[in-house]
C-alpha atoms as a PDB file:
ATOM      1  CA  MET A   1       0.078   0.132  -0.046  1.00  0.00           C
ATOM      2  CA  ALA A   2       1.084   2.920  -1.138  1.00  0.00           C
ATOM      3  CA  MET A   3       1.680   6.124   1.284  1.00  0.00           C
ATOM      4  CA  ALA A   4      -0.458   9.374   1.124  1.00  0.00           C
ATOM      5  CA  ASP A   5       2.843  11.034  -0.039  1.00  0.00           C
ATOM      6  CA  GLU A   6       3.597   8.384  -2.212  1.00  0.00           C
ATOM      7  CA  ARG A   7       0.047   8.203  -3.986  1.00  0.00           C
ATOM      8  CA  PRO A   8       0.036   7.913  -7.448  1.00  0.00           C
ATOM      9  CA  LEU A   9       1.363  11.487  -9.793  1.00  0.00           C
ATOM     10  CA  ILE A  10       0.820  11.071 -12.919  1.00  0.00           C
ATOM     11  CA  ASN A  11      -0.641   8.506 -15.370  1.00  0.00           C
ATOM     12  CA  GLN A  12      -1.024   8.614 -19.755  1.00  0.00           C
ATOM     13  CA  GLY A  13      -4.317  10.384 -19.008  1.00  0.00           C
ATOM     14  CA  LEU A  14      -2.877  13.624 -16.862  1.00  0.00           C
ATOM     15  CA  LEU A  15       0.137  13.078 -19.143  1.00  0.00           C
ATOM     16  CA  ARG A  16      -1.510  14.344 -22.367  1.00  0.00           C
ATOM     17  CA  ASP A  17      -2.090  17.509 -20.149  1.00  0.00           C
ATOM     18  CA  VAL A  18       1.572  17.902 -19.816  1.00  0.00           C
ATOM     19  CA  PRO A  19       1.680  22.117 -21.099  1.00  0.00           C
ATOM     20  CA  SER A  20       5.065  21.220 -22.260  1.00  0.00           C
ATOM     21  CA  LEU A  21       6.640  17.374 -23.689  1.00  0.00           C
ATOM     22  CA  PRO A  22       9.780  17.678 -24.664  1.00  0.00           C
ATOM     23  CA  VAL A  23      10.294  18.629 -28.335  1.00  0.00           C
ATOM     24  CA  LEU A  24      11.895  15.695 -30.617  1.00  0.00           C
ATOM     25  CA  PRO A  25      15.900  16.697 -30.638  1.00  0.00           C
ATOM     26  CA  TRP A  26      17.198  17.872 -34.110  1.00  0.00           C
ATOM     27  CA  LEU A  27      20.288  15.286 -33.555  1.00  0.00           C
ATOM     28  CA  TRP A  28      17.024  12.815 -33.188  1.00  0.00           C
ATOM     29  CA  GLN A  29      15.147  14.437 -36.305  1.00  0.00           C
ATOM     30  CA  GLN A  30      18.068  13.458 -38.929  1.00  0.00           C
ATOM     31  CA  MET A  31      18.870  10.435 -37.794  1.00  0.00           C
ATOM     32  CA  LEU A  32      16.132   8.276 -36.924  1.00  0.00           C
ATOM     33  CA  GLY A  33      14.958   7.901 -40.613  1.00  0.00           C
ATOM     34  CA  HIS A  34      18.011   6.399 -42.009  1.00  0.00           C
ATOM     35  CA  LEU A  35      17.734   3.574 -39.823  1.00  0.00           C
ATOM     36  CA  ASP A  36      16.934   1.313 -42.580  1.00  0.00           C
ATOM     37  CA  ASN A  37      19.042   3.251 -44.833  1.00  0.00           C
ATOM     38  CA  ARG A  38      22.714   4.284 -43.636  1.00  0.00           C
ATOM     39  CA  TRP A  39      23.828   7.617 -44.178  1.00  0.00           C
ATOM     40  CA  SER A  40      25.847   7.804 -47.869  1.00  0.00           C
ATOM     41  CA  SER A  41      29.486   9.767 -46.379  1.00  0.00           C
ATOM     42  CA  LEU A  42      30.848  10.294 -43.591  1.00  0.00           C
ATOM     43  CA  GLY A  43      30.185  14.518 -45.234  1.00  0.00           C
ATOM     44  CA  ASP A  44      26.550  13.963 -44.438  1.00  0.00           C
ATOM     45  CA  LEU A  45      26.942  14.104 -40.934  1.00  0.00           C
ATOM     46  CA  GLU A  46      30.039  15.704 -40.585  1.00  0.00           C
ATOM     47  CA  ALA A  47      27.054  18.830 -42.106  1.00  0.00           C
ATOM     48  CA  VAL A  48      25.136  18.299 -39.025  1.00  0.00           C
ATOM     49  CA  ILE A  49      27.870  17.846 -36.693  1.00  0.00           C
ATOM     50  CA  ARG A  50      29.719  21.213 -37.485  1.00  0.00           C
ATOM     51  CA  GLN A  51      25.716  22.711 -36.897  1.00  0.00           C
ATOM     52  CA  ASP A  52      26.236  22.309 -33.463  1.00  0.00           C
ATOM     53  CA  GLN A  53      29.700  23.879 -31.319  1.00  0.00           C
ATOM     54  CA  ALA A  54      29.289  21.251 -28.469  1.00  0.00           C
ATOM     55  CA  LEU A  55      28.844  18.673 -30.444  1.00  0.00           C
ATOM     56  CA  SER A  56      31.773  19.181 -32.729  1.00  0.00           C
ATOM     57  CA  SER A  57      34.158  19.538 -29.500  1.00  0.00           C
ATOM     58  CA  ARG A  58      32.278  16.186 -28.477  1.00  0.00           C
ATOM     59  CA  VAL A  59      33.452  14.708 -31.492  1.00  0.00           C
ATOM     60  CA  ILE A  60      37.550  15.772 -31.720  1.00  0.00           C
ATOM     61  CA  SER A  61      37.000  15.339 -28.709  1.00  0.00           C
ATOM     62  CA  ALA A  62      36.534  11.317 -28.795  1.00  0.00           C
ATOM     63  CA  ALA A  63      39.196  10.644 -32.090  1.00  0.00           C
ATOM     64  CA  ASN A  64      41.620  12.880 -29.882  1.00  0.00           C
ATOM     65  CA  SER A  65      41.282  10.179 -26.973  1.00  0.00           C
ATOM     66  CA  SER A  66      44.040   7.431 -26.184  1.00  0.00           C
ATOM     67  CA  TYR A  67      41.056   4.931 -26.642  1.00  0.00           C
ATOM     68  CA  TYR A  68      41.741   5.805 -30.661  1.00  0.00           C
ATOM     69  CA  GLY A  69      45.492   5.643 -30.893  1.00  0.00           C
ATOM     70  CA  ALA A  70      45.386   9.466 -32.544  1.00  0.00           C
ATOM     71  CA  SER A  71      48.961   9.605 -33.617  1.00  0.00           C
ATOM     72  CA  ARG A  72      48.419  13.781 -34.191  1.00  0.00           C
ATOM     73  CA  LYS A  73      47.038  16.564 -32.646  1.00  0.00           C
ATOM     74  CA  ILE A  74      43.198  16.374 -34.023  1.00  0.00           C
ATOM     75  CA  THR A  75      41.746  19.723 -34.398  1.00  0.00           C
ATOM     76  CA  THR A  76      38.620  19.808 -37.669  1.00  0.00           C
ATOM     77  CA  VAL A  77      35.476  17.659 -37.845  1.00  0.00           C
ATOM     78  CA  SER A  78      36.278  16.114 -40.852  1.00  0.00           C
ATOM     79  CA  ARG A  79      40.026  15.014 -39.526  1.00  0.00           C
ATOM     80  CA  ALA A  80      37.668  13.533 -36.078  1.00  0.00           C
ATOM     81  CA  ALA A  81      34.555  12.134 -38.341  1.00  0.00           C
ATOM     82  CA  ALA A  82      37.662  10.124 -40.502  1.00  0.00           C
ATOM     83  CA  VAL A  83      39.340   8.810 -37.613  1.00  0.00           C
ATOM     84  CA  LEU A  84      36.194   7.748 -35.489  1.00  0.00           C
ATOM     85  CA  GLY A  85      34.203   6.304 -38.831  1.00  0.00           C
ATOM     86  CA  LEU A  86      30.754   6.449 -39.526  1.00  0.00           C
ATOM     87  CA  GLU A  87      29.315   3.553 -36.674  1.00  0.00           C
ATOM     88  CA  GLU A  88      30.920   5.852 -33.673  1.00  0.00           C
ATOM     89  CA  VAL A  89      30.614   9.099 -35.013  1.00  0.00           C
ATOM     90  CA  ARG A  90      26.765   8.130 -35.954  1.00  0.00           C
ATOM     91  CA  ARG A  91      26.577   6.788 -31.653  1.00  0.00           C
ATOM     92  CA  LEU A  92      28.008   9.989 -30.549  1.00  0.00           C
ATOM     93  CA  CYS A  93      25.117  12.385 -32.312  1.00  0.00           C
ATOM     94  CA  LEU A  94      22.662   9.692 -30.699  1.00  0.00           C
ATOM     95  CA  ALA A  95      23.797   9.584 -27.360  1.00  0.00           C
ATOM     96  CA  ALA A  96      24.374  13.744 -27.860  1.00  0.00           C
ATOM     97  CA  GLY A  97      20.168  14.546 -28.004  1.00  0.00           C
ATOM     98  CA  LEU A  98      19.744  12.212 -25.353  1.00  0.00           C
ATOM     99  CA  GLY A  99      21.843  14.544 -22.845  1.00  0.00           C
ATOM    100  CA  GLN A 100      19.908  17.563 -24.633  1.00  0.00           C
ATOM    101  CA  LEU A 101      17.076  15.515 -22.979  1.00  0.00           C
ATOM    102  CA  LEU A 102      18.154  15.803 -19.880  1.00  0.00           C
ATOM    103  CA  TYR A 103      19.581  19.320 -19.614  1.00  0.00           C
ATOM    104  CA  THR A 104      18.791  20.783 -16.572  1.00  0.00           C
ATOM    105  CA  ASN A 105      19.846  23.508 -14.497  1.00  0.00           C
ATOM    106  CA  ASP A 106      18.601  21.835 -11.820  1.00  0.00           C
ATOM    107  CA  SER A 107      21.213  20.822  -9.317  1.00  0.00           C
ATOM    108  CA  GLN A 108      18.508  18.796  -7.794  1.00  0.00           C
ATOM    109  CA  GLN A 109      18.154  16.541 -10.946  1.00  0.00           C
ATOM    110  CA  LEU A 110      20.954  16.810 -12.029  1.00  0.00           C
ATOM    111  CA  ALA A 111      22.774  13.730 -10.554  1.00  0.00           C
ATOM    112  CA  ASP A 112      19.771  11.857 -11.146  1.00  0.00           C
ATOM    113  CA  SER A 113      20.171  12.905 -15.182  1.00  0.00           C
ATOM    114  CA  GLN A 114      23.733  11.435 -15.202  1.00  0.00           C
ATOM    115  CA  GLU A 115      22.507   8.173 -14.019  1.00  0.00           C
ATOM    116  CA  LEU A 116      20.016   7.288 -16.511  1.00  0.00           C
ATOM    117  CA  TRP A 117      21.837   8.644 -18.938  1.00  0.00           C
ATOM    118  CA  GLN A 118      24.828   6.313 -18.191  1.00  0.00           C
ATOM    119  CA  HIS A 119      22.529   3.552 -17.784  1.00  0.00           C
ATOM    120  CA  CYS A 120      20.982   3.877 -21.335  1.00  0.00           C
ATOM    121  CA  LEU A 121      24.130   4.728 -23.369  1.00  0.00           C
ATOM    122  CA  GLU A 122      25.918   0.996 -21.599  1.00  0.00           C
ATOM    123  CA  VAL A 123      21.758  -0.184 -22.924  1.00  0.00           C
ATOM    124  CA  ALA A 124      23.053   0.822 -26.163  1.00  0.00           C
ATOM    125  CA  GLU A 125      26.402  -0.423 -26.296  1.00  0.00           C
ATOM    126  CA  ALA A 126      24.972  -3.854 -24.570  1.00  0.00           C
ATOM    127  CA  ALA A 127      22.602  -4.273 -27.571  1.00  0.00           C
ATOM    128  CA  ALA A 128      25.191  -3.407 -30.145  1.00  0.00           C
ATOM    129  CA  LEU A 129      28.026  -6.081 -28.824  1.00  0.00           C
ATOM    130  CA  LEU A 130      25.288  -8.637 -28.377  1.00  0.00           C
ATOM    131  CA  ALA A 131      23.452  -8.077 -31.841  1.00  0.00           C
ATOM    132  CA  ARG A 132      27.192  -8.844 -33.221  1.00  0.00           C
ATOM    133  CA  GLY A 133      26.753 -12.006 -35.537  1.00  0.00           C
ATOM    134  CA  ARG A 134      23.325 -12.520 -34.599  1.00  0.00           C
ATOM    135  CA  ARG A 135      20.546 -13.147 -37.233  1.00  0.00           C
ATOM    136  CA  GLY A 136      17.783 -10.196 -36.806  1.00  0.00           C
ATOM    137  CA  VAL A 137      18.970  -7.442 -35.960  1.00  0.00           C
ATOM    138  CA  ASP A 138      21.811  -4.857 -37.034  1.00  0.00           C
ATOM    139  CA  GLY A 139      23.636  -3.269 -34.314  1.00  0.00           C
ATOM    140  CA  GLU A 140      23.006   0.207 -35.390  1.00  0.00           C
ATOM    141  CA  THR A 141      19.763  -0.498 -34.937  1.00  0.00           C
ATOM    142  CA  ALA A 142      20.707  -2.335 -31.438  1.00  0.00           C
ATOM    143  CA  PHE A 143      22.688   0.601 -30.634  1.00  0.00           C
ATOM    144  CA  THR A 144      19.563   3.006 -31.128  1.00  0.00           C
ATOM    145  CA  ALA A 145      17.048   0.903 -29.880  1.00  0.00           C
ATOM    146  CA  GLY A 146      19.053   0.114 -26.594  1.00  0.00           C
ATOM    147  CA  LEU A 147      19.750   3.966 -26.219  1.00  0.00           C
ATOM    148  CA  LEU A 148      16.012   4.810 -25.883  1.00  0.00           C
ATOM    149  CA  HIS A 149      14.414   1.539 -24.231  1.00  0.00           C
ATOM    150  CA  ASP A 150      14.186   3.975 -21.227  1.00  0.00           C
ATOM    151  CA  LEU A 151      12.485   7.109 -23.546  1.00  0.00           C
ATOM    152  CA  GLY A 152       9.595   6.584 -20.231  1.00  0.00           C
ATOM    153  CA  LYS A 153      12.437   7.294 -17.465  1.00  0.00           C
ATOM    154  CA  VAL A 154      13.709  10.169 -19.569  1.00  0.00           C
ATOM    155  CA  LEU A 155      10.369  12.206 -19.938  1.00  0.00           C
ATOM    156  CA  LEU A 156       9.551  11.873 -15.761  1.00  0.00           C
ATOM    157  CA  ALA A 157      13.052  12.823 -14.607  1.00  0.00           C
ATOM    158  CA  ALA A 158      13.145  15.562 -17.720  1.00  0.00           C
ATOM    159  CA  ARG A 159       8.763  16.817 -17.215  1.00  0.00           C
ATOM    160  CA  VAL A 160       7.972  14.931 -13.697  1.00  0.00           C
ATOM    161  CA  PRO A 161      10.978  14.894 -11.756  1.00  0.00           C
ATOM    162  CA  ARG A 162       9.414  14.675  -8.619  1.00  0.00           C
ATOM    163  CA  ALA A 163       7.883  11.638  -9.997  1.00  0.00           C
ATOM    164  CA  TYR A 164      10.756  10.076 -11.164  1.00  0.00           C
ATOM    165  CA  ARG A 165      12.636  11.351  -6.934  1.00  0.00           C
ATOM    166  CA  VAL A 166       9.419   9.627  -4.926  1.00  0.00           C
ATOM    167  CA  VAL A 167      10.305   6.155  -7.359  1.00  0.00           C
ATOM    168  CA  ARG A 168      14.099   6.768  -6.654  1.00  0.00           C
ATOM    169  CA  HIS A 169      13.335   7.667  -3.016  1.00  0.00           C
ATOM    170  CA  LEU A 170      10.732   3.821  -2.472  1.00  0.00           C
ATOM    171  CA  GLN A 171      13.708   1.571  -4.751  1.00  0.00           C
ATOM    172  CA  ALA A 172      16.659   3.725  -1.677  1.00  0.00           C
ATOM    173  CA  ARG A 173      13.774   3.119   1.715  1.00  0.00           C
ATOM    174  CA  GLU A 174      12.513  -0.814  -0.213  1.00  0.00           C
ATOM    175  CA  GLY A 175      15.292  -2.126  -1.388  1.00  0.00           C
ATOM    176  CA  LEU A 176      12.594  -3.038  -4.727  1.00  0.00           C
ATOM    177  CA  SER A 177      13.782  -2.444  -8.467  1.00  0.00           C
ATOM    178  CA  TRP A 178      12.224   0.041 -10.227  1.00  0.00           C
ATOM    179  CA  LEU A 179       9.443  -1.752 -11.428  1.00  0.00           C
ATOM    180  CA  GLN A 180       8.444  -2.746  -8.005  1.00  0.00           C
ATOM    181  CA  ALA A 181       8.666   0.766  -7.340  1.00  0.00           C
ATOM    182  CA  GLU A 182       6.976   2.416 -10.519  1.00  0.00           C
ATOM    183  CA  GLU A 183       3.597  -0.296  -9.210  1.00  0.00           C
ATOM    184  CA  LEU A 184       3.371   1.646  -6.146  1.00  0.00           C
ATOM    185  CA  LEU A 185       2.718   4.596  -7.452  1.00  0.00           C
ATOM    186  CA  ASP A 186       0.653   3.131 -10.833  1.00  0.00           C
ATOM    187  CA  LEU A 187       3.130   4.455 -12.717  1.00  0.00           C
ATOM    188  CA  ASP A 188       4.208   2.510 -15.962  1.00  0.00           C
ATOM    189  CA  HIS A 189       7.691   3.734 -17.942  1.00  0.00           C
ATOM    190  CA  GLN A 190       7.042   1.592 -20.494  1.00  0.00           C
ATOM    191  CA  GLU A 191       3.740   3.109 -21.102  1.00  0.00           C
ATOM    192  CA  LEU A 192       5.182   6.521 -20.999  1.00  0.00           C
ATOM    193  CA  GLY A 193       7.433   6.023 -22.931  1.00  0.00           C
ATOM    194  CA  LEU A 194       5.264   4.739 -25.687  1.00  0.00           C
ATOM    195  CA  TYR A 195       3.520   7.735 -25.042  1.00  0.00           C
ATOM    196  CA  LEU A 196       6.666  10.224 -26.442  1.00  0.00           C
ATOM    197  CA  ALA A 197       7.164   7.522 -28.951  1.00  0.00           C
ATOM    198  CA  GLU A 198       4.038   8.066 -31.025  1.00  0.00           C
ATOM    199  CA  HIS A 199       4.387  11.823 -30.457  1.00  0.00           C
ATOM    200  CA  TRP A 200       7.469  11.983 -31.891  1.00  0.00           C
ATOM    201  CA  ASN A 201       5.706   9.515 -34.709  1.00  0.00           C
ATOM    202  CA  LEU A 202       9.089   7.213 -33.581  1.00  0.00           C
ATOM    203  CA  PRO A 203       9.518   4.355 -36.176  1.00  0.00           C
ATOM    204  CA  PRO A 204       7.527   1.107 -34.436  1.00  0.00           C
ATOM    205  CA  LEU A 205      10.187  -1.088 -34.409  1.00  0.00           C
ATOM    206  CA  LEU A 206      11.493   1.586 -31.316  1.00  0.00           C
ATOM    207  CA  SER A 207       8.124   2.495 -29.925  1.00  0.00           C
ATOM    208  CA  GLU A 208       7.438  -1.488 -29.512  1.00  0.00           C
ATOM    209  CA  VAL A 209      11.300  -1.902 -27.795  1.00  0.00           C
ATOM    210  CA  ILE A 210      10.228   1.168 -25.814  1.00  0.00           C
ATOM    211  CA  GLY A 211       7.085  -0.248 -25.034  1.00  0.00           C
ATOM    212  CA  ARG A 212       7.475  -3.696 -24.400  1.00  0.00           C
ATOM    213  CA  HIS A 213      10.701  -3.993 -23.070  1.00  0.00           C
ATOM    214  CA  HIS A 214      10.547  -5.290 -19.842  1.00  0.00           C
ATOM    215  CA  GLN A 215       7.316  -7.984 -21.630  1.00  0.00           C
ATOM    216  CA  PRO A 216       8.975  -9.446 -24.388  1.00  0.00           C
ATOM    217  CA  HIS A 217       7.539 -12.320 -26.492  1.00  0.00           C
ATOM    218  CA  PRO A 218       7.414 -14.046 -29.737  1.00  0.00           C
ATOM    219  CA  GLY A 219       3.754 -11.990 -30.728  1.00  0.00           C
ATOM    220  CA  LEU A 220       5.323  -9.230 -31.138  1.00  0.00           C
ATOM    221  CA  ALA A 221       5.952  -7.716 -34.162  1.00  0.00           C
ATOM    222  CA  HIS A 222       9.851  -6.578 -33.629  1.00  0.00           C
ATOM    223  CA  TRP A 223      10.233  -9.497 -30.733  1.00  0.00           C
ATOM    224  CA  PRO A 224      14.101 -10.166 -31.926  1.00  0.00           C
ATOM    225  CA  LEU A 225      14.886  -6.410 -31.047  1.00  0.00           C
ATOM    226  CA  VAL A 226      12.558  -6.494 -28.251  1.00  0.00           C
ATOM    227  CA  ALA A 227      14.426  -9.830 -26.578  1.00  0.00           C
ATOM    228  CA  LEU A 228      17.650  -8.064 -27.171  1.00  0.00           C
ATOM    229  CA  VAL A 229      17.334  -4.968 -25.658  1.00  0.00           C
ATOM    230  CA  HIS A 230      15.780  -6.947 -22.912  1.00  0.00           C
ATOM    231  CA  LEU A 231      18.675  -8.766 -22.689  1.00  0.00           C
ATOM    232  CA  ALA A 232      21.297  -6.022 -22.829  1.00  0.00           C
ATOM    233  CA  ASP A 233      18.991  -4.523 -19.997  1.00  0.00           C
ATOM    234  CA  SER A 234      19.233  -7.012 -17.745  1.00  0.00           C
ATOM    235  CA  LEU A 235      22.921  -7.789 -18.585  1.00  0.00           C
ATOM    236  CA  VAL A 236      23.733  -4.270 -18.022  1.00  0.00           C
ATOM    237  CA  HIS A 237      21.295  -3.840 -14.615  1.00  0.00           C
ATOM    238  CA  GLN A 238      23.598  -6.816 -12.891  1.00  0.00           C
ATOM    239  CA  GLU A 239      25.763  -5.443 -13.548  1.00  0.00           C
ATOM    240  CA  GLU A 240      25.372  -1.692 -12.135  1.00  0.00           C
ATOM    241  CA  ILE A 241      23.849  -4.245  -8.643  1.00  0.00           C
ATOM    242  CA  GLN A 242      27.287  -5.748  -8.637  1.00  0.00           C
ATOM    243  CA  GLU A 243      28.856  -2.720  -8.821  1.00  0.00           C
ATOM    244  CA  ARG A 244      27.135  -1.290  -5.254  1.00  0.00           C
ATOM    245  CA  GLY A 245      28.462  -4.335  -3.796  1.00  0.00           C
ATOM    246  CA  ARG A 246      25.299  -6.924  -3.841  1.00  0.00           C
ATOM    247  CA  PRO A 247      25.696 -10.519  -5.390  1.00  0.00           C
ATOM    248  CA  ALA A 248      25.026 -10.311  -9.319  1.00  0.00           C
ATOM    249  CA  THR A 249      21.714 -13.136  -9.633  1.00  0.00           C
ATOM    250  CA  ALA A 250      21.600 -15.555 -12.449  1.00  0.00           C
ATOM    251  CA  GLY A 251      19.281 -15.434 -15.201  1.00  0.00           C
ATOM    252  CA  GLY A 252      15.305 -13.699 -13.853  1.00  0.00           C
ATOM    253  CA  GLU A 253      14.342 -12.418 -17.039  1.00  0.00           C
ATOM    254  CA  GLU A 254      11.588 -13.099 -18.249  1.00  0.00           C
ATOM    255  CA  ASN A 255      11.268 -15.041 -21.501  1.00  0.00           C
ATOM    256  CA  GLY A 256      14.553 -15.277 -21.041  1.00  0.00           C
ATOM    257  CA  GLU A 257      15.356 -18.343 -22.829  1.00  0.00           C
ATOM    258  CA  ALA A 258      13.086 -17.366 -25.072  1.00  0.00           C
ATOM    259  CA  CYS A 259      15.069 -14.257 -25.287  1.00  0.00           C
ATOM    260  CA  LEU A 260      18.533 -15.451 -26.017  1.00  0.00           C
ATOM    261  CA  ALA A 261      16.730 -18.129 -29.055  1.00  0.00           C
ATOM    262  CA  ALA A 262      15.137 -14.459 -31.106  1.00  0.00           C
ATOM    263  CA  VAL A 263      18.712 -13.458 -30.789  1.00  0.00           C
ATOM    264  CA  GLY A 264      20.467 -17.260 -31.547  1.00  0.00           C
ATOM    265  CA  LEU A 265      23.081 -17.215 -28.421  1.00  0.00           C
ATOM    266  CA  ASP A 266      23.077 -19.648 -25.388  1.00  0.00           C
ATOM    267  CA  PRO A 267      23.463 -19.120 -22.046  1.00  0.00           C
ATOM    268  CA  PRO A 268      27.403 -19.750 -22.791  1.00  0.00           C
ATOM    269  CA  GLY A 269      27.308 -17.578 -25.604  1.00  0.00           C
ATOM    270  CA  LEU A 270      25.663 -14.997 -23.235  1.00  0.00           C
ATOM    271  CA  GLU A 271      28.024 -15.148 -20.672  1.00  0.00           C
ATOM    272  CA  THR A 272      30.930 -14.475 -23.731  1.00  0.00           C
ATOM    273  CA  CYS A 273      29.018 -11.357 -24.331  1.00  0.00           C
ATOM    274  CA  ARG A 274      29.424 -10.596 -20.610  1.00  0.00           C
ATOM    275  CA  GLN A 275      32.735 -10.500 -19.667  1.00  0.00           C
ATOM    276  CA  ARG A 276      33.743  -8.643 -23.428  1.00  0.00           C
ATOM    277  CA  TYR A 277      31.087  -5.975 -22.629  1.00  0.00           C
ATOM    278  CA  ARG A 278      32.827  -6.082 -19.335  1.00  0.00           C
ATOM    279  CA  GLY A 279      35.928  -5.265 -20.545  1.00  0.00           C
ATOM    280  CA  GLN A 280      34.756  -2.543 -22.655  1.00  0.00           C
ATOM    281  CA  ARG A 281      33.183  -0.761 -19.936  1.00  0.00           C
ATOM    282  CA  ARG A 282      36.040  -0.637 -17.969  1.00  0.00           C
ATOM    283  CA  ALA A 283      38.218   0.731 -20.960  1.00  0.00           C
ATOM    284  CA  ARG A 284      35.140   3.841 -21.209  1.00  0.00           C
ATOM    285  CA  ARG A 285      35.326   4.045 -17.929  1.00  0.00           C
ATOM    286  CA  GLY A 286      39.461   4.622 -17.683  1.00  0.00           C
ATOM    287  CA  GLN A 287      39.542   6.844 -20.982  1.00  0.00           C
ATOM    288  CA  CYS A 288      36.901   8.539 -21.160  1.00  0.00           C
ATOM    289  CA  PRO A 289      35.788  11.490 -18.900  1.00  0.00           C
ATOM    290  CA  GLN A 290      32.529  10.953 -16.868  1.00  0.00           C
END
């Protein structure tokens, strides 16, 4: 039973009356329509990047990072894009779009926003890794779907921060999962994310991931992608739990075996991916600015 000060704060009906839904980031406007049609050249992406000073700086900084082993100082977007490659530049642009949604001047919201941004990025990286060599899903679509899977949480953090903080408070106080805490407040971040995805007219495969990543099943239109993101999200959550000093648990994901079969993985294969993900995670955190 929810306490009086933790009664339901929002639902889909109330959300329709929120005066200012987030605007689709312009970076995503440039890219989400191209999931099935890759950019013809790096020059197309460079034209987008040059329109944003902060993004230009981020791309140049990434190219100069020791992670990429640049032999000399890179000072132009064109050279940075050539060093990073098309795939990595696209990922940087998509991640920057998520940062636009979560940007805040409110110091109380900043830590939550940064943690949520990091989680979405980690799930995107894990999804791209799981997609390598698997049937039914390409790596770029997997990355994008993983990045956007928690769009409902992003909406809460950006437009209803009180609701977001109450869920976090319940998690910490009661030792609950996010879904369990949401249930006490009659919230569903999948439903909220799907509402925003439809408001933005996102591609159906992304909307389905956003709205069903916690309840995957073979009857879904884009079942392999939903299954893959569900596995990636579970993997990242396990690593986050371990980092907080609690033991990771084996399995536990809904329809886990079916999800593995949907993307052509078995438990040993998933464990191999988990080890690769851990290595990538350590490399990113050791060499990239926090």
